[in-house]
Amino acid sequence: MSIWALSLVMTAAILHAIWNFLAKKSLGGTSFVWLYTFTSTVIYSPIVLGVILWTDVTIGWAGIGLIAASALLHLLYAVTLQKGYRIGDFSLIYPIARGIGPMLVAFAAFFLLKEELNGLGKLGIFLIICSVFIFTGGLRILKERTMLPSILYGLLIGCMIASYSLLDKYIVSVSIIHPVLLNYGTNLGVSLLLFPFAKKHWQDVRLDWSSRKLETIGIGLFNPLAYILVLIAMVHAPVSYVAPVRELSILIGAILGVVFLKESFGRQRIIAALVMVIGVIMVAVS
């Protein structure tokens, strides 16, 4: 992988962890989800217009239906993510969700798509499971039940990440919809689906904008940008190299939660994040 591609993927990993950190820091709810997705559609409208004008774009009704399905999955993911961040530790939920997602995708590819899973991939899955055990402190979870909701949210969000990842992979590979248009379409779809809720709770939207303006703009900008940078990197480097480096966001997220949010079990969670990163890399390159 070239230095250029590596820098793009590293930047994407940092931005991904930062926008999730901002989501945790905001402690926002569903109205906040609508606000930052709407902001994102406004920010990236010129880029999407450029893609439409300079590329051959053909999206039929089937493509629109697939984008709508992706938007629905992303909506469930975003709302669940915000709810999880409101009750649990960022350094616990974010790494578990990001690590479990690729593992479930590998399982789905093995059982549903009949793709092979070699010894390295199996070892990676084992390390991911071990890292979750380290995150939770092992049997300590039986004594500290306050940790259980965070773990369950991390696992649930990981399932949602796996679901929309598989669907989006199908959309861009089979339906041949431009990834930038897919990303924009899902954000636009989430905005439209949540608009009735936002209109009904407009006072909450105005409060979110006045008190969480920085977080709103940050997530609206960094969320799609992290994805776009990965797409650009894939032009210059194999996917098998890009995917593992991207998962360094797991470690970055754990560090952000421990250092800036002063969350407990800091050293333990950073070690668990390192183990999880190694496991995810093994799954990705297997």
Protein backbone atom coordinates (compact mmCIF):
# COMPACT_ATOMS: atom_id res chain seq x y z
CA MET A 1 0.00 0.00 0.00
CA SER A 2 1.35 3.42 -0.96
CA ILE A 3 1.90 6.17 1.59
CA TRP A 4 -0.90 8.14 -0.09
CA ALA A 5 -3.44 5.34 0.26
CA LEU A 6 -2.30 4.56 3.80
CA SER A 7 -2.71 8.19 4.84
CA LEU A 8 -6.24 8.25 3.39
CA VAL A 9 -7.30 5.13 5.27
CA MET A 10 -5.69 6.29 8.52
CA THR A 11 -7.47 9.64 8.19
CA ALA A 12 -10.74 7.80 7.53
CA ALA A 13 -10.26 5.68 10.66
CA ILE A 14 -9.60 8.78 12.76
CA LEU A 15 -12.62 10.62 11.32
CA HIS A 16 -14.87 7.60 11.91
CA ALA A 17 -13.85 7.39 15.55
CA ILE A 18 -14.22 11.17 15.95
CA TRP A 19 -17.76 11.36 14.56
CA ASN A 20 -18.82 8.51 16.83
CA PHE A 21 -17.11 10.31 19.73
CA LEU A 22 -19.11 13.45 18.87
CA ALA A 23 -22.30 11.36 18.78
CA LYS A 24 -21.52 10.05 22.26
CA LYS A 25 -20.55 13.50 23.53
CA SER A 26 -23.79 15.04 22.24
CA LEU A 27 -26.04 12.64 24.20
CA GLY A 28 -28.62 13.45 21.54
CA GLY A 29 -31.71 11.46 20.64
CA THR A 30 -33.73 10.80 17.49
CA SER A 31 -34.18 14.50 16.70
CA PHE A 32 -30.40 14.86 16.74
CA VAL A 33 -30.09 11.97 14.25
CA TRP A 34 -32.42 13.80 11.86
CA LEU A 35 -30.50 17.03 12.33
CA TYR A 36 -27.06 15.65 11.47
CA THR A 37 -28.31 13.53 8.55
CA PHE A 38 -30.11 16.55 7.11
CA THR A 39 -26.97 18.65 7.63
CA SER A 40 -24.95 15.99 5.83
CA THR A 41 -27.25 16.03 2.79
CA VAL A 42 -26.89 19.81 2.59
CA ILE A 43 -23.08 19.72 2.89
CA TYR A 44 -22.59 17.00 0.26
CA SER A 45 -25.22 18.10 -2.27
CA PRO A 46 -22.61 19.87 -4.50
CA ILE A 47 -20.41 16.75 -4.59
CA VAL A 48 -23.33 14.51 -5.50
CA LEU A 49 -24.41 16.96 -8.18
CA GLY A 50 -20.91 16.76 -9.63
CA VAL A 51 -21.03 12.96 -9.66
CA ILE A 52 -24.37 13.04 -11.45
CA LEU A 53 -23.13 15.54 -14.06
CA TRP A 54 -19.75 13.90 -14.80
CA THR A 55 -20.66 10.22 -14.58
CA ASP A 56 -23.15 8.01 -16.33
CA VAL A 57 -25.80 7.59 -13.63
CA THR A 58 -28.72 5.23 -14.20
CA ILE A 59 -30.81 4.29 -11.18
CA GLY A 60 -34.09 2.49 -11.84
CA TRP A 61 -36.95 1.74 -9.50
CA ALA A 62 -35.16 -1.39 -8.27
CA GLY A 63 -32.13 0.72 -7.35
CA ILE A 64 -34.31 3.23 -5.54
CA GLY A 65 -35.91 0.38 -3.62
CA LEU A 66 -32.50 -0.96 -2.57
CA ILE A 67 -31.37 2.50 -1.47
CA ALA A 68 -34.59 2.84 0.56
CA ALA A 69 -33.90 -0.52 2.23
CA SER A 70 -30.36 0.62 3.03
CA ALA A 71 -31.73 3.89 4.44
CA LEU A 72 -34.09 1.95 6.72
CA LEU A 73 -31.21 -0.16 8.08
CA HIS A 74 -29.04 2.93 8.56
CA LEU A 75 -31.94 4.62 10.35
CA LEU A 76 -32.28 1.75 12.82
CA TYR A 77 -28.50 1.76 13.27
CA ALA A 78 -28.27 5.52 13.89
CA VAL A 79 -31.15 5.66 16.37
CA THR A 80 -29.92 2.59 18.26
CA LEU A 81 -26.38 3.98 18.28
CA GLN A 82 -27.53 7.24 19.88
CA LYS A 83 -29.60 5.40 22.47
CA GLY A 84 -26.68 3.15 23.32
CA TYR A 85 -24.31 6.10 23.68
CA ARG A 86 -26.76 7.82 26.03
CA ILE A 87 -26.66 4.97 28.55
CA GLY A 88 -23.27 3.29 28.08
CA ASP A 89 -19.52 3.91 27.82
CA PHE A 90 -18.16 4.92 24.42
CA SER A 91 -14.95 2.94 24.98
CA LEU A 92 -17.06 -0.20 25.43
CA ILE A 93 -19.91 0.14 22.90
CA TYR A 94 -17.93 1.51 19.94
CA PRO A 95 -15.12 -1.11 19.87
CA ILE A 96 -17.51 -4.03 20.41
CA ALA A 97 -19.86 -2.81 17.67
CA ARG A 98 -17.04 -2.18 15.18
CA GLY A 99 -15.36 -5.51 15.93
CA ILE A 100 -18.45 -7.73 15.99
CA GLY A 101 -19.70 -6.30 12.67
CA PRO A 102 -16.86 -7.69 10.46
CA MET A 103 -16.98 -10.98 12.35
CA LEU A 104 -20.70 -11.40 11.60
CA VAL A 105 -20.10 -10.48 7.96
CA ALA A 106 -17.49 -13.25 7.79
CA PHE A 107 -19.96 -15.71 9.36
CA ALA A 108 -22.68 -14.68 6.89
CA ALA A 109 -20.29 -15.05 3.95
CA PHE A 110 -19.34 -18.52 5.19
CA PHE A 111 -22.85 -19.87 5.86
CA LEU A 112 -24.93 -17.96 3.29
CA LEU A 113 -22.54 -17.24 0.43
CA LYS A 114 -20.48 -20.43 0.89
CA GLU A 115 -17.22 -18.46 1.03
CA GLU A 116 -14.27 -20.24 2.63
CA LEU A 117 -13.02 -19.31 6.11
CA ASN A 118 -9.44 -20.48 6.59
CA GLY A 119 -7.48 -21.03 9.77
CA LEU A 120 -6.34 -17.42 9.98
CA GLY A 121 -9.93 -16.20 9.78
CA LYS A 122 -11.03 -18.63 12.47
CA LEU A 123 -8.20 -17.47 14.73
CA GLY A 124 -9.23 -13.86 14.10
CA ILE A 125 -12.81 -14.62 15.15
CA PHE A 126 -11.49 -16.32 18.28
CA LEU A 127 -9.43 -13.21 19.13
CA ILE A 128 -12.48 -10.96 18.62
CA ILE A 129 -14.49 -13.11 21.03
CA CYS A 130 -11.59 -13.04 23.50
CA SER A 131 -11.38 -9.25 23.23
CA VAL A 132 -15.07 -8.92 24.10
CA PHE A 133 -14.36 -11.09 27.15
CA ILE A 134 -11.51 -8.74 28.12
CA PHE A 135 -13.71 -5.67 27.54
CA THR A 136 -16.29 -6.99 29.98
CA GLY A 137 -13.72 -7.98 32.60
CA GLY A 138 -14.58 -11.64 32.23
CA LEU A 139 -16.88 -12.89 34.93
CA ARG A 140 -17.01 -9.39 36.43
CA ILE A 141 -20.11 -8.80 34.33
CA LEU A 142 -22.00 -11.10 36.68
CA LYS A 143 -21.25 -8.70 39.54
CA GLU A 144 -21.39 -5.36 37.71
CA ARG A 145 -24.71 -5.58 35.91
CA THR A 146 -24.52 -1.91 34.90
CA MET A 147 -22.07 -3.00 32.21
CA LEU A 148 -24.50 -5.46 30.62
CA PRO A 149 -26.68 -2.89 28.74
CA SER A 150 -23.57 -1.39 27.11
CA ILE A 151 -22.42 -4.81 25.96
CA LEU A 152 -25.86 -5.72 24.60
CA TYR A 153 -26.06 -2.42 22.72
CA GLY A 154 -22.58 -3.00 21.30
CA LEU A 155 -23.62 -6.45 20.07
CA LEU A 156 -26.92 -5.17 18.66
CA ILE A 157 -25.23 -2.28 16.84
CA GLY A 158 -22.63 -4.73 15.51
CA CYS A 159 -25.45 -6.85 14.05
CA MET A 160 -26.86 -3.74 12.37
CA ILE A 161 -23.44 -2.84 10.95
CA ALA A 162 -23.16 -6.34 9.50
CA SER A 163 -26.67 -6.08 8.01
CA TYR A 164 -26.21 -2.79 6.20
CA SER A 165 -22.66 -3.73 5.17
CA LEU A 166 -23.90 -6.88 3.41
CA LEU A 167 -26.76 -5.00 1.76
CA ASP A 168 -24.56 -2.08 0.65
CA LYS A 169 -21.97 -4.49 -0.71
CA TYR A 170 -24.70 -6.15 -2.77
CA ILE A 171 -25.98 -2.78 -3.99
CA VAL A 172 -22.63 -1.43 -5.22
CA SER A 173 -21.44 -4.74 -6.68
CA VAL A 174 -24.60 -6.16 -8.26
CA SER A 175 -26.76 -3.11 -8.91
CA ILE A 176 -23.67 -1.03 -9.81
CA ILE A 177 -24.86 2.09 -8.01
CA HIS A 178 -22.09 4.63 -7.43
CA PRO A 179 -20.99 4.33 -3.76
CA VAL A 180 -21.09 8.11 -3.25
CA LEU A 181 -24.69 8.18 -4.51
CA LEU A 182 -25.56 5.24 -2.27
CA ASN A 183 -24.09 6.96 0.77
CA TYR A 184 -25.90 10.21 -0.06
CA GLY A 185 -29.12 8.35 -0.83
CA THR A 186 -29.11 6.60 2.54
CA ASN A 187 -28.56 9.90 4.38
CA LEU A 188 -31.32 11.53 2.35
CA GLY A 189 -33.56 8.54 3.01
CA VAL A 190 -32.95 8.70 6.75
CA SER A 191 -33.75 12.42 6.69
CA LEU A 192 -37.02 11.81 4.86
CA LEU A 193 -38.03 8.90 7.08
CA LEU A 194 -37.37 10.92 10.24
CA PHE A 195 -38.90 14.18 8.96
CA PRO A 196 -42.39 13.50 10.43
CA PHE A 197 -40.76 12.86 13.81
CA ALA A 198 -38.59 15.97 13.50
CA LYS A 199 -41.58 18.10 12.52
CA LYS A 200 -43.56 16.84 15.51
CA HIS A 201 -40.63 17.51 17.84
CA TRP A 202 -39.38 20.69 16.18
CA GLN A 203 -38.64 22.32 19.53
CA ASP A 204 -36.19 19.49 20.26
CA VAL A 205 -34.58 20.00 16.85
CA ARG A 206 -34.10 23.72 17.52
CA LEU A 207 -32.66 22.93 20.96
CA ASP A 208 -30.27 20.39 19.44
CA TRP A 209 -29.08 22.93 16.87
CA SER A 210 -28.52 25.65 19.46
CA SER A 211 -26.76 23.41 22.00
CA ARG A 212 -25.13 20.80 19.74
CA LYS A 213 -24.22 22.81 16.65
CA LEU A 214 -20.55 21.74 16.66
CA GLU A 215 -21.43 18.06 17.04
CA THR A 216 -24.11 18.32 14.33
CA ILE A 217 -21.78 19.85 11.75
CA GLY A 218 -18.91 17.55 12.75
CA ILE A 219 -20.93 14.37 12.31
CA GLY A 220 -22.62 15.68 9.16
CA LEU A 221 -19.18 16.35 7.64
CA PHE A 222 -17.03 13.51 9.00
CA ASN A 223 -19.51 10.62 8.67
CA PRO A 224 -19.67 10.61 4.84
CA LEU A 225 -16.09 11.90 4.46
CA ALA A 226 -14.65 8.89 6.29
CA TYR A 227 -16.46 6.63 3.82
CA ILE A 228 -15.45 8.68 0.76
CA LEU A 229 -11.77 8.61 1.78
CA VAL A 230 -11.93 4.81 2.02
CA LEU A 231 -13.45 4.65 -1.47
CA ILE A 232 -10.65 6.82 -2.85
CA ALA A 233 -8.04 4.66 -1.12
CA MET A 234 -9.53 1.55 -2.72
CA VAL A 235 -8.72 3.03 -6.12
CA HIS A 236 -5.02 3.12 -5.18
CA ALA A 237 -4.76 -0.01 -3.00
CA PRO A 238 -6.31 -3.50 -2.75
CA VAL A 239 -9.39 -3.86 -0.55
CA SER A 240 -7.55 -6.57 1.42
CA TYR A 241 -5.11 -3.86 2.58
CA VAL A 242 -7.62 -1.07 3.09
CA ALA A 243 -10.13 -2.96 5.24
CA PRO A 244 -7.74 -4.01 8.05
CA VAL A 245 -6.12 -0.56 8.39
CA ARG A 246 -9.58 1.01 8.54
CA GLU A 247 -10.37 -0.98 11.68
CA LEU A 248 -7.71 0.93 13.62
CA SER A 249 -10.70 3.15 14.46
CA ILE A 250 -11.51 0.53 17.12
CA LEU A 251 -8.33 1.35 19.02
CA ILE A 252 -8.73 5.10 18.42
CA GLY A 253 -12.30 4.97 19.75
CA ALA A 254 -11.23 3.16 22.90
CA ILE A 255 -8.49 5.73 23.53
CA LEU A 256 -10.89 8.66 22.99
CA GLY A 257 -13.33 7.22 25.50
CA VAL A 258 -10.68 6.54 28.11
CA VAL A 259 -8.69 9.79 27.73
CA PHE A 260 -11.38 12.40 27.03
CA LEU A 261 -14.46 10.88 28.67
CA LYS A 262 -12.52 9.47 31.63
CA GLU A 263 -14.27 6.11 31.34
CA SER A 264 -13.26 3.32 33.70
CA PHE A 265 -11.11 0.22 33.05
CA GLY A 266 -8.97 2.32 30.68
CA ARG A 267 -5.88 0.14 30.34
CA GLN A 268 -7.97 -3.02 30.12
CA ARG A 269 -10.16 -1.62 27.33
CA ILE A 270 -7.19 -0.36 25.31
CA ILE A 271 -5.60 -3.83 25.53
CA ALA A 272 -8.91 -5.39 24.50
CA ALA A 273 -9.11 -2.97 21.56
CA LEU A 274 -5.62 -4.01 20.43
CA VAL A 275 -6.59 -7.69 20.56
CA MET A 276 -9.78 -6.91 18.62
CA VAL A 277 -7.88 -4.96 15.94
CA ILE A 278 -5.55 -7.95 15.43
CA GLY A 279 -8.55 -10.28 15.22
CA VAL A 280 -10.35 -8.08 12.69
CA ILE A 281 -7.19 -7.80 10.56
CA MET A 282 -6.90 -11.59 10.53
CA VAL A 283 -10.53 -11.94 9.43
CA ALA A 284 -10.05 -9.28 6.75
CA VAL A 285 -6.92 -10.79 5.18
CA SER A 286 -7.98 -14.45 5.51
